[in-house]
Amino acid sequence: MVDSDEGVDISDVTTADEDVSGPAVVPEPSKQKGKGEVVPAPQAKLPATEVRDEFFTEAGMSEDVAKLDSLDRDILLRRTKELSAEDLSKLYPQIPKEKFTRLLEVANGH
């Protein structure tokens, strides 16, 4: 059947009332259109709690981070890989910038 108004062949279209038996057809992933495989985001690895706290002790920040919970300490240590001492001091104004400078040296193995 051809829809005369649009000129489109709709003879193979089923309606909700029709029986459509058989398994659903899903194309294999290699044949699907799109951007390709889903690649998981890399996971950031954090040091053990004791090792993390040693970083803060060596940087002279034990008292400064004492009020932070464990998650916040992990976040702070992770941020040392991405941010400068100046940026860290803006996020943590209660801690002197000089301590972040030392923390960055410790975290980067200097």
N, C-alpha and C. Protein backbone atom coordinates (compact mmCIF):
# COMPACT_ATOMS: atom_id res chain seq x y z
N MET A 1 0.84 -1.17 0.00
CA MET A 1 0.00 0.00 0.00
C MET A 1 0.89 1.24 0.00
N VAL A 2 0.52 2.23 -0.76
CA VAL A 2 1.25 3.47 -0.84
C VAL A 2 0.35 4.59 -0.37
N ASP A 3 0.87 5.40 0.54
CA ASP A 3 0.13 6.56 1.02
C ASP A 3 0.20 7.59 -0.09
N SER A 4 -0.93 7.85 -0.69
CA SER A 4 -0.95 8.71 -1.86
C SER A 4 -0.57 10.16 -1.56
N ASP A 5 -0.83 10.63 -0.34
CA ASP A 5 -0.50 12.02 0.00
C ASP A 5 1.00 12.24 0.09
N GLU A 6 1.72 11.29 0.64
CA GLU A 6 3.15 11.46 0.87
C GLU A 6 3.99 10.68 -0.13
N GLY A 7 3.41 9.69 -0.78
CA GLY A 7 4.17 8.86 -1.69
C GLY A 7 5.12 7.92 -0.98
N VAL A 8 4.82 7.54 0.29
CA VAL A 8 5.67 6.66 1.08
C VAL A 8 5.02 5.30 1.19
N ASP A 9 5.81 4.25 0.96
CA ASP A 9 5.31 2.88 1.07
C ASP A 9 5.29 2.47 2.53
N ILE A 10 4.10 2.24 3.07
CA ILE A 10 3.98 1.85 4.47
C ILE A 10 3.39 0.45 4.59
N SER A 11 3.49 -0.34 3.56
CA SER A 11 2.88 -1.66 3.57
C SER A 11 3.54 -2.62 4.56
N ASP A 12 4.80 -2.40 4.91
CA ASP A 12 5.46 -3.30 5.83
C ASP A 12 5.45 -2.82 7.28
N VAL A 13 4.70 -1.76 7.58
CA VAL A 13 4.61 -1.23 8.93
C VAL A 13 3.52 -1.98 9.68
N THR A 14 3.83 -2.39 10.92
CA THR A 14 2.84 -3.08 11.73
C THR A 14 2.22 -2.11 12.71
N THR A 15 1.06 -2.45 13.20
CA THR A 15 0.40 -1.63 14.21
C THR A 15 0.43 -2.37 15.53
N ALA A 16 0.02 -1.73 16.58
CA ALA A 16 0.02 -2.33 17.90
C ALA A 16 -0.94 -3.51 17.99
N ASP A 17 -1.94 -3.55 17.15
CA ASP A 17 -2.92 -4.63 17.17
C ASP A 17 -2.42 -5.89 16.47
N GLU A 18 -1.42 -5.77 15.64
CA GLU A 18 -0.92 -6.91 14.90
C GLU A 18 0.04 -7.74 15.75
N ASP A 19 0.07 -9.05 15.47
CA ASP A 19 0.98 -9.95 16.17
C ASP A 19 2.36 -9.86 15.52
N VAL A 20 3.30 -9.46 16.30
CA VAL A 20 4.68 -9.40 15.82
C VAL A 20 5.45 -10.43 16.63
N SER A 21 5.63 -11.60 16.05
CA SER A 21 6.32 -12.65 16.79
C SER A 21 7.77 -12.73 16.38
N GLY A 22 8.54 -13.39 17.21
CA GLY A 22 9.95 -13.55 16.94
C GLY A 22 10.78 -12.70 17.87
N PRO A 23 12.06 -13.00 17.93
CA PRO A 23 12.94 -12.25 18.84
C PRO A 23 13.18 -10.82 18.34
N ALA A 24 13.45 -9.97 19.27
CA ALA A 24 13.79 -8.60 18.91
C ALA A 24 15.12 -8.61 18.16
N VAL A 25 15.22 -7.77 17.20
CA VAL A 25 16.44 -7.71 16.41
C VAL A 25 17.25 -6.51 16.89
N VAL A 26 18.42 -6.82 17.43
CA VAL A 26 19.33 -5.78 17.89
C VAL A 26 20.63 -5.99 17.16
N PRO A 27 21.11 -4.99 16.47
CA PRO A 27 22.36 -5.17 15.73
C PRO A 27 23.53 -5.46 16.65
N GLU A 28 24.47 -6.25 16.15
CA GLU A 28 25.67 -6.53 16.91
C GLU A 28 26.40 -5.21 17.18
N PRO A 29 27.10 -5.12 18.32
CA PRO A 29 27.78 -3.86 18.64
C PRO A 29 28.71 -3.37 17.53
N SER A 30 29.35 -4.29 16.84
CA SER A 30 30.27 -3.87 15.79
C SER A 30 29.54 -3.28 14.59
N LYS A 31 28.24 -3.55 14.49
CA LYS A 31 27.47 -3.05 13.36
C LYS A 31 26.57 -1.88 13.72
N GLN A 32 26.57 -1.51 14.99
CA GLN A 32 25.75 -0.39 15.41
C GLN A 32 26.40 0.91 14.96
N LYS A 33 25.57 1.85 14.63
CA LYS A 33 26.08 3.16 14.25
C LYS A 33 26.34 3.97 15.50
N GLY A 34 27.35 4.78 15.48
CA GLY A 34 27.67 5.59 16.65
C GLY A 34 29.15 5.88 16.69
N LYS A 35 29.60 6.26 17.83
CA LYS A 35 30.99 6.67 17.98
C LYS A 35 31.92 5.52 18.35
N GLY A 36 31.42 4.33 18.50
CA GLY A 36 32.29 3.21 18.81
C GLY A 36 32.09 2.69 20.21
N GLU A 37 33.11 2.02 20.70
CA GLU A 37 33.04 1.39 22.01
C GLU A 37 32.95 2.42 23.13
N VAL A 38 32.32 1.98 24.21
CA VAL A 38 32.28 2.80 25.41
C VAL A 38 33.54 2.48 26.19
N VAL A 39 34.33 3.48 26.44
CA VAL A 39 35.58 3.30 27.16
C VAL A 39 35.39 3.84 28.56
N PRO A 40 35.62 3.01 29.58
CA PRO A 40 35.43 3.50 30.94
C PRO A 40 36.45 4.57 31.29
N ALA A 41 36.04 5.49 32.14
CA ALA A 41 36.95 6.55 32.58
C ALA A 41 38.05 5.95 33.43
N PRO A 42 39.24 6.49 33.35
CA PRO A 42 40.32 5.96 34.19
C PRO A 42 40.01 6.21 35.65
N GLN A 43 40.37 5.25 36.46
CA GLN A 43 40.11 5.39 37.89
C GLN A 43 41.33 5.98 38.57
N ALA A 44 41.09 6.98 39.38
CA ALA A 44 42.16 7.59 40.13
C ALA A 44 42.45 6.70 41.33
N LYS A 45 43.71 6.40 41.54
CA LYS A 45 44.08 5.57 42.67
C LYS A 45 44.59 6.46 43.78
N LEU A 46 44.07 6.22 44.95
CA LEU A 46 44.48 6.98 46.13
C LEU A 46 45.35 6.09 47.01
N PRO A 47 46.30 6.70 47.69
CA PRO A 47 47.13 5.90 48.59
C PRO A 47 46.33 5.46 49.81
N ALA A 48 46.86 4.48 50.52
CA ALA A 48 46.25 4.05 51.78
C ALA A 48 46.17 5.23 52.73
N THR A 49 45.25 5.17 53.67
CA THR A 49 45.04 6.25 54.62
C THR A 49 46.33 6.63 55.35
N GLU A 50 47.10 5.63 55.75
CA GLU A 50 48.33 5.90 56.49
C GLU A 50 49.34 6.65 55.61
N VAL A 51 49.43 6.24 54.36
CA VAL A 51 50.35 6.89 53.43
C VAL A 51 49.90 8.32 53.16
N ARG A 52 48.60 8.50 52.96
CA ARG A 52 48.06 9.85 52.74
C ARG A 52 48.40 10.75 53.91
N ASP A 53 48.18 10.26 55.11
CA ASP A 53 48.44 11.08 56.30
C ASP A 53 49.92 11.38 56.46
N GLU A 54 50.79 10.48 55.99
CA GLU A 54 52.23 10.75 56.01
C GLU A 54 52.58 11.94 55.11
N PHE A 55 51.90 12.06 53.98
CA PHE A 55 52.11 13.21 53.09
C PHE A 55 51.82 14.51 53.85
N PHE A 56 50.70 14.53 54.56
CA PHE A 56 50.32 15.73 55.29
C PHE A 56 51.30 16.01 56.45
N THR A 57 51.74 14.96 57.12
CA THR A 57 52.71 15.13 58.20
C THR A 57 54.02 15.68 57.68
N GLU A 58 54.52 15.10 56.59
CA GLU A 58 55.78 15.55 56.01
C GLU A 58 55.70 16.99 55.53
N ALA A 59 54.52 17.39 55.07
CA ALA A 59 54.33 18.77 54.60
C ALA A 59 54.04 19.73 55.75
N GLY A 60 53.95 19.21 56.98
CA GLY A 60 53.67 20.06 58.14
C GLY A 60 52.22 20.50 58.20
N MET A 61 51.32 19.67 57.69
CA MET A 61 49.90 20.05 57.60
C MET A 61 48.98 19.21 58.48
N SER A 62 49.53 18.38 59.34
CA SER A 62 48.68 17.49 60.15
C SER A 62 47.60 18.24 60.91
N GLU A 63 47.99 19.32 61.57
CA GLU A 63 47.01 20.09 62.33
C GLU A 63 46.02 20.80 61.41
N ASP A 64 46.48 21.23 60.25
CA ASP A 64 45.62 21.95 59.31
C ASP A 64 44.52 21.06 58.74
N VAL A 65 44.82 19.79 58.54
CA VAL A 65 43.83 18.90 57.93
C VAL A 65 43.07 18.08 58.98
N ALA A 66 43.39 18.30 60.25
CA ALA A 66 42.75 17.53 61.33
C ALA A 66 41.23 17.68 61.33
N LYS A 67 40.75 18.84 60.92
CA LYS A 67 39.30 19.06 60.93
C LYS A 67 38.61 18.50 59.68
N LEU A 68 39.38 18.08 58.68
CA LEU A 68 38.81 17.50 57.47
C LEU A 68 38.52 16.02 57.70
N ASP A 69 37.41 15.55 57.17
CA ASP A 69 37.15 14.12 57.28
C ASP A 69 38.00 13.37 56.26
N SER A 70 37.94 12.06 56.30
CA SER A 70 38.80 11.23 55.46
C SER A 70 38.58 11.49 53.97
N LEU A 71 37.34 11.64 53.56
CA LEU A 71 37.04 11.90 52.15
C LEU A 71 37.63 13.24 51.71
N ASP A 72 37.47 14.26 52.54
CA ASP A 72 38.02 15.57 52.20
C ASP A 72 39.54 15.55 52.12
N ARG A 73 40.18 14.75 52.95
CA ARG A 73 41.64 14.61 52.87
C ARG A 73 42.04 13.93 51.57
N ASP A 74 41.27 12.89 51.19
CA ASP A 74 41.54 12.22 49.91
C ASP A 74 41.38 13.19 48.75
N ILE A 75 40.33 14.00 48.80
CA ILE A 75 40.08 14.97 47.74
C ILE A 75 41.21 15.99 47.67
N LEU A 76 41.63 16.46 48.83
CA LEU A 76 42.73 17.43 48.86
C LEU A 76 43.99 16.82 48.26
N LEU A 77 44.32 15.60 48.64
CA LEU A 77 45.52 14.98 48.10
C LEU A 77 45.39 14.77 46.60
N ARG A 78 44.22 14.39 46.13
CA ARG A 78 43.99 14.20 44.69
C ARG A 78 44.14 15.53 43.94
N ARG A 79 43.69 16.59 44.55
CA ARG A 79 43.78 17.91 43.91
C ARG A 79 45.22 18.38 43.73
N THR A 80 46.15 17.82 44.52
CA THR A 80 47.55 18.21 44.37
C THR A 80 48.09 17.78 43.01
N LYS A 81 47.42 16.85 42.36
CA LYS A 81 47.85 16.40 41.03
C LYS A 81 47.35 17.33 39.93
N GLU A 82 46.38 18.18 40.26
CA GLU A 82 45.72 19.00 39.25
C GLU A 82 45.85 20.51 39.46
N LEU A 83 46.05 20.93 40.70
CA LEU A 83 45.99 22.35 41.01
C LEU A 83 47.32 22.87 41.55
N SER A 84 47.48 24.17 41.44
CA SER A 84 48.67 24.85 41.98
C SER A 84 48.44 25.16 43.46
N ALA A 85 49.52 25.56 44.13
CA ALA A 85 49.42 25.96 45.53
C ALA A 85 48.46 27.15 45.68
N GLU A 86 48.51 28.06 44.71
CA GLU A 86 47.63 29.23 44.76
C GLU A 86 46.16 28.81 44.64
N ASP A 87 45.87 27.90 43.71
CA ASP A 87 44.49 27.42 43.55
C ASP A 87 44.02 26.67 44.79
N LEU A 88 44.90 25.86 45.37
CA LEU A 88 44.54 25.12 46.58
C LEU A 88 44.28 26.07 47.74
N SER A 89 45.07 27.12 47.84
CA SER A 89 44.86 28.07 48.95
C SER A 89 43.54 28.82 48.80
N LYS A 90 43.06 28.97 47.58
CA LYS A 90 41.75 29.60 47.37
C LYS A 90 40.62 28.66 47.81
N LEU A 91 40.83 27.36 47.58
CA LEU A 91 39.82 26.38 47.99
C LEU A 91 39.83 26.12 49.49
N TYR A 92 41.00 26.26 50.09
CA TYR A 92 41.17 26.01 51.52
C TYR A 92 41.82 27.24 52.15
N PRO A 93 41.07 28.34 52.28
CA PRO A 93 41.66 29.59 52.77
C PRO A 93 42.17 29.52 54.21
N GLN A 94 41.74 28.54 54.96
CA GLN A 94 42.19 28.41 56.35
C GLN A 94 43.61 27.83 56.45
N ILE A 95 44.16 27.36 55.33
CA ILE A 95 45.51 26.79 55.31
C ILE A 95 46.42 27.73 54.54
N PRO A 96 47.57 28.10 55.11
CA PRO A 96 48.50 29.01 54.43
C PRO A 96 49.02 28.44 53.10
N LYS A 97 49.18 29.30 52.14
CA LYS A 97 49.65 28.91 50.80
C LYS A 97 51.00 28.20 50.86
N GLU A 98 51.87 28.63 51.76
CA GLU A 98 53.20 28.04 51.86
C GLU A 98 53.13 26.54 52.18
N LYS A 99 52.11 26.16 52.94
CA LYS A 99 51.96 24.74 53.27
C LYS A 99 51.54 23.94 52.04
N PHE A 100 50.77 24.56 51.17
CA PHE A 100 50.40 23.87 49.92
C PHE A 100 51.61 23.73 49.01
N THR A 101 52.47 24.73 49.02
CA THR A 101 53.70 24.65 48.24
C THR A 101 54.51 23.44 48.70
N ARG A 102 54.63 23.29 50.00
CA ARG A 102 55.38 22.15 50.56
C ARG A 102 54.65 20.84 50.25
N LEU A 103 53.32 20.81 50.37
CA LEU A 103 52.56 19.60 50.08
C LEU A 103 52.77 19.16 48.63
N LEU A 104 52.78 20.12 47.72
CA LEU A 104 53.00 19.79 46.31
C LEU A 104 54.39 19.21 46.10
N GLU A 105 55.38 19.74 46.81
CA GLU A 105 56.73 19.18 46.72
C GLU A 105 56.77 17.75 47.22
N VAL A 106 56.11 17.49 48.35
CA VAL A 106 56.06 16.15 48.93
C VAL A 106 55.30 15.20 48.01
N ALA A 107 54.16 15.63 47.52
CA ALA A 107 53.32 14.78 46.68
C ALA A 107 53.99 14.44 45.35
N ASN A 108 54.82 15.35 44.86
CA ASN A 108 55.50 15.12 43.59
C ASN A 108 56.89 14.54 43.75
N GLY A 109 57.24 14.14 44.97
CA GLY A 109 58.50 13.47 45.22
C GLY A 109 59.72 14.34 45.28
N HIS A 110 59.57 15.62 45.58
CA HIS A 110 60.73 16.52 45.67
C HIS A 110 61.17 16.68 47.09
